[in-house]
Amino acid sequence: MVKKLVLLLATAAGAAFVQKKMKDQQAEQDLWAAATDRVPPRD
């Protein structure tokens, strides 16, 4: 029973870590997209 609980907690922690990592990468990508956004030329 204890092994199952430890496995469940480890899985939950791993999933939370992966989710945070993906969210951070998306934020970084959005930041770069905004920083390198092409500005249309003025007429």
PDB file of N, CA and C in Angstrom:
ATOM      1  N   MET A   1       0.827  -1.199   0.000  1.00  0.00           N
ATOM      2  CA  MET A   1       0.000   0.000   0.000  1.00  0.00           C
ATOM      3  C   MET A   1       0.870   1.261   0.000  1.00  0.00           C
ATOM      4  N   VAL A   2       1.926   1.263   0.792  1.00  0.00           N
ATOM      5  CA  VAL A   2       2.806   2.426   0.875  1.00  0.00           C
ATOM      6  C   VAL A   2       3.520   2.651  -0.451  1.00  0.00           C
ATOM      7  N   LYS A   3       3.917   1.558  -1.104  1.00  0.00           N
ATOM      8  CA  LYS A   3       4.595   1.696  -2.395  1.00  0.00           C
ATOM      9  C   LYS A   3       3.668   2.338  -3.432  1.00  0.00           C
ATOM     10  N   LYS A   4       2.407   1.976  -3.416  1.00  0.00           N
ATOM     11  CA  LYS A   4       1.455   2.559  -4.351  1.00  0.00           C
ATOM     12  C   LYS A   4       1.270   4.045  -4.090  1.00  0.00           C
ATOM     13  N   LEU A   5       1.226   4.414  -2.807  1.00  0.00           N
ATOM     14  CA  LEU A   5       1.087   5.818  -2.455  1.00  0.00           C
ATOM     15  C   LEU A   5       2.305   6.617  -2.898  1.00  0.00           C
ATOM     16  N   VAL A   6       3.482   6.070  -2.678  1.00  0.00           N
ATOM     17  CA  VAL A   6       4.717   6.737  -3.094  1.00  0.00           C
ATOM     18  C   VAL A   6       4.744   6.867  -4.617  1.00  0.00           C
ATOM     19  N   LEU A   7       4.343   5.822  -5.321  1.00  0.00           N
ATOM     20  CA  LEU A   7       4.308   5.865  -6.778  1.00  0.00           C
ATOM     21  C   LEU A   7       3.311   6.915  -7.261  1.00  0.00           C
ATOM     22  N   LEU A   8       2.165   6.988  -6.625  1.00  0.00           N
ATOM     23  CA  LEU A   8       1.158   7.977  -6.987  1.00  0.00           C
ATOM     24  C   LEU A   8       1.679   9.395  -6.758  1.00  0.00           C
ATOM     25  N   LEU A   9       2.315   9.622  -5.627  1.00  0.00           N
ATOM     26  CA  LEU A   9       2.861  10.947  -5.332  1.00  0.00           C
ATOM     27  C   LEU A   9       3.978  11.315  -6.301  1.00  0.00           C
ATOM     28  N   ALA A  10       4.825  10.358  -6.632  1.00  0.00           N
ATOM     29  CA  ALA A  10       5.912  10.618  -7.575  1.00  0.00           C
ATOM     30  C   ALA A  10       5.358  10.936  -8.960  1.00  0.00           C
ATOM     31  N   THR A  11       4.319  10.226  -9.357  1.00  0.00           N
ATOM     32  CA  THR A  11       3.695  10.480 -10.655  1.00  0.00           C
ATOM     33  C   THR A  11       3.067  11.866 -10.688  1.00  0.00           C
ATOM     34  N   ALA A  12       2.381  12.230  -9.614  1.00  0.00           N
ATOM     35  CA  ALA A  12       1.759  13.551  -9.538  1.00  0.00           C
ATOM     36  C   ALA A  12       2.818  14.650  -9.572  1.00  0.00           C
ATOM     37  N   ALA A  13       3.905  14.459  -8.848  1.00  0.00           N
ATOM     38  CA  ALA A  13       4.977  15.448  -8.838  1.00  0.00           C
ATOM     39  C   ALA A  13       5.612  15.563 -10.226  1.00  0.00           C
ATOM     40  N   GLY A  14       5.814  14.444 -10.877  1.00  0.00           N
ATOM     41  CA  GLY A  14       6.382  14.450 -12.225  1.00  0.00           C
ATOM     42  C   GLY A  14       5.463  15.170 -13.210  1.00  0.00           C
ATOM     43  N   ALA A  15       4.175  14.915 -13.111  1.00  0.00           N
ATOM     44  CA  ALA A  15       3.217  15.558 -13.999  1.00  0.00           C
ATOM     45  C   ALA A  15       3.181  17.069 -13.757  1.00  0.00           C
ATOM     46  N   ALA A  16       3.239  17.470 -12.496  1.00  0.00           N
ATOM     47  CA  ALA A  16       3.242  18.901 -12.174  1.00  0.00           C
ATOM     48  C   ALA A  16       4.508  19.560 -12.712  1.00  0.00           C
ATOM     49  N   PHE A  17       5.639  18.872 -12.600  1.00  0.00           N
ATOM     50  CA  PHE A  17       6.902  19.408 -13.108  1.00  0.00           C
ATOM     51  C   PHE A  17       6.845  19.589 -14.627  1.00  0.00           C
ATOM     52  N   VAL A  18       6.341  18.581 -15.317  1.00  0.00           N
ATOM     53  CA  VAL A  18       6.251  18.652 -16.779  1.00  0.00           C
ATOM     54  C   VAL A  18       5.300  19.769 -17.199  1.00  0.00           C
ATOM     55  N   GLN A  19       4.182  19.898 -16.500  1.00  0.00           N
ATOM     56  CA  GLN A  19       3.221  20.944 -16.827  1.00  0.00           C
ATOM     57  C   GLN A  19       3.840  22.329 -16.631  1.00  0.00           C
ATOM     58  N   LYS A  20       4.569  22.526 -15.538  1.00  0.00           N
ATOM     59  CA  LYS A  20       5.223  23.815 -15.288  1.00  0.00           C
ATOM     60  C   LYS A  20       6.288  24.098 -16.347  1.00  0.00           C
ATOM     61  N   LYS A  21       7.040  23.071 -16.701  1.00  0.00           N
ATOM     62  CA  LYS A  21       8.086  23.227 -17.710  1.00  0.00           C
ATOM     63  C   LYS A  21       7.478  23.649 -19.057  1.00  0.00           C
ATOM     64  N   MET A  22       6.375  23.019 -19.430  1.00  0.00           N
ATOM     65  CA  MET A  22       5.721  23.363 -20.688  1.00  0.00           C
ATOM     66  C   MET A  22       5.159  24.780 -20.642  1.00  0.00           C
ATOM     67  N   LYS A  23       4.597  25.167 -19.517  1.00  0.00           N
ATOM     68  CA  LYS A  23       4.047  26.516 -19.369  1.00  0.00           C
ATOM     69  C   LYS A  23       5.162  27.564 -19.449  1.00  0.00           C
ATOM     70  N   ASP A  24       6.292  27.275 -18.814  1.00  0.00           N
ATOM     71  CA  ASP A  24       7.429  28.190 -18.873  1.00  0.00           C
ATOM     72  C   ASP A  24       7.967  28.318 -20.292  1.00  0.00           C
ATOM     73  N   GLN A  25       8.036  27.206 -21.010  1.00  0.00           N
ATOM     74  CA  GLN A  25       8.520  27.247 -22.390  1.00  0.00           C
ATOM     75  C   GLN A  25       7.576  28.051 -23.286  1.00  0.00           C
ATOM     76  N   GLN A  26       6.275  27.911 -23.051  1.00  0.00           N
ATOM     77  CA  GLN A  26       5.307  28.672 -23.841  1.00  0.00           C
ATOM     78  C   GLN A  26       5.435  30.164 -23.549  1.00  0.00           C
ATOM     79  N   ALA A  27       5.636  30.512 -22.283  1.00  0.00           N
ATOM     80  CA  ALA A  27       5.812  31.918 -21.918  1.00  0.00           C
ATOM     81  C   ALA A  27       7.069  32.482 -22.573  1.00  0.00           C
ATOM     82  N   GLU A  28       8.136  31.701 -22.592  1.00  0.00           N
ATOM     83  CA  GLU A  28       9.384  32.128 -23.238  1.00  0.00           C
ATOM     84  C   GLU A  28       9.169  32.314 -24.734  1.00  0.00           C
ATOM     85  N   GLN A  29       8.449  31.396 -25.349  1.00  0.00           N
ATOM     86  CA  GLN A  29       8.180  31.496 -26.783  1.00  0.00           C
ATOM     87  C   GLN A  29       7.328  32.726 -27.078  1.00  0.00           C
ATOM     88  N   ASP A  30       6.323  32.987 -26.252  1.00  0.00           N
ATOM     89  CA  ASP A  30       5.483  34.165 -26.442  1.00  0.00           C
ATOM     90  C   ASP A  30       6.287  35.448 -26.294  1.00  0.00           C
ATOM     91  N   LEU A  31       7.210  35.467 -25.331  1.00  0.00           N
ATOM     92  CA  LEU A  31       8.054  36.637 -25.120  1.00  0.00           C
ATOM     93  C   LEU A  31       8.933  36.895 -26.337  1.00  0.00           C
ATOM     94  N   TRP A  32       9.556  35.838 -26.863  1.00  0.00           N
ATOM     95  CA  TRP A  32      10.398  35.995 -28.050  1.00  0.00           C
ATOM     96  C   TRP A  32       9.570  36.412 -29.256  1.00  0.00           C
ATOM     97  N   ALA A  33       8.372  35.873 -29.372  1.00  0.00           N
ATOM     98  CA  ALA A  33       7.520  36.246 -30.503  1.00  0.00           C
ATOM     99  C   ALA A  33       7.165  37.729 -30.435  1.00  0.00           C
ATOM    100  N   ALA A  34       6.893  38.222 -29.233  1.00  0.00           N
ATOM    101  CA  ALA A  34       6.566  39.640 -29.077  1.00  0.00           C
ATOM    102  C   ALA A  34       7.800  40.512 -29.326  1.00  0.00           C
ATOM    103  N   ALA A  35       8.953  40.041 -28.895  1.00  0.00           N
ATOM    104  CA  ALA A  35      10.175  40.835 -29.026  1.00  0.00           C
ATOM    105  C   ALA A  35      10.660  40.889 -30.475  1.00  0.00           C
ATOM    106  N   THR A  36      10.371  39.863 -31.243  1.00  0.00           N
ATOM    107  CA  THR A  36      10.855  39.817 -32.615  1.00  0.00           C
ATOM    108  C   THR A  36       9.735  40.000 -33.624  1.00  0.00           C
ATOM    109  N   ASP A  37       8.593  40.500 -33.161  1.00  0.00           N
ATOM    110  CA  ASP A  37       7.451  40.729 -34.044  1.00  0.00           C
ATOM    111  C   ASP A  37       7.824  41.752 -35.103  1.00  0.00           C
ATOM    112  N   ARG A  38       7.498  41.439 -36.316  1.00  0.00           N
ATOM    113  CA  ARG A  38       7.815  42.374 -37.407  1.00  0.00           C
ATOM    114  C   ARG A  38       6.862  43.557 -37.342  1.00  0.00           C
ATOM    115  N   VAL A  39       7.432  44.722 -37.451  1.00  0.00           N
ATOM    116  CA  VAL A  39       6.636  45.953 -37.455  1.00  0.00           C
ATOM    117  C   VAL A  39       6.398  46.334 -38.901  1.00  0.00           C
ATOM    118  N   PRO A  40       5.136  46.523 -39.281  1.00  0.00           N
ATOM    119  CA  PRO A  40       4.887  46.896 -40.685  1.00  0.00           C
ATOM    120  C   PRO A  40       5.450  48.286 -40.976  1.00  0.00           C
ATOM    121  N   PRO A  41       5.974  48.494 -42.176  1.00  0.00           N
ATOM    122  CA  PRO A  41       6.568  49.798 -42.512  1.00  0.00           C
ATOM    123  C   PRO A  41       5.483  50.878 -42.570  1.00  0.00           C
ATOM    124  N   ARG A  42       5.897  52.078 -42.184  1.00  0.00           N
ATOM    125  CA  ARG A  42       4.983  53.222 -42.271  1.00  0.00           C
ATOM    126  C   ARG A  42       4.924  53.726 -43.693  1.00  0.00           C
ATOM    127  N   ASP A  43       3.768  54.128 -44.081  1.00  0.00           N
ATOM    128  CA  ASP A  43       3.613  54.688 -45.440  1.00  0.00           C
ATOM    129  C   ASP A  43       3.723  56.181 -45.429  1.00  0.00           C
TER     130      ASP A  43
END
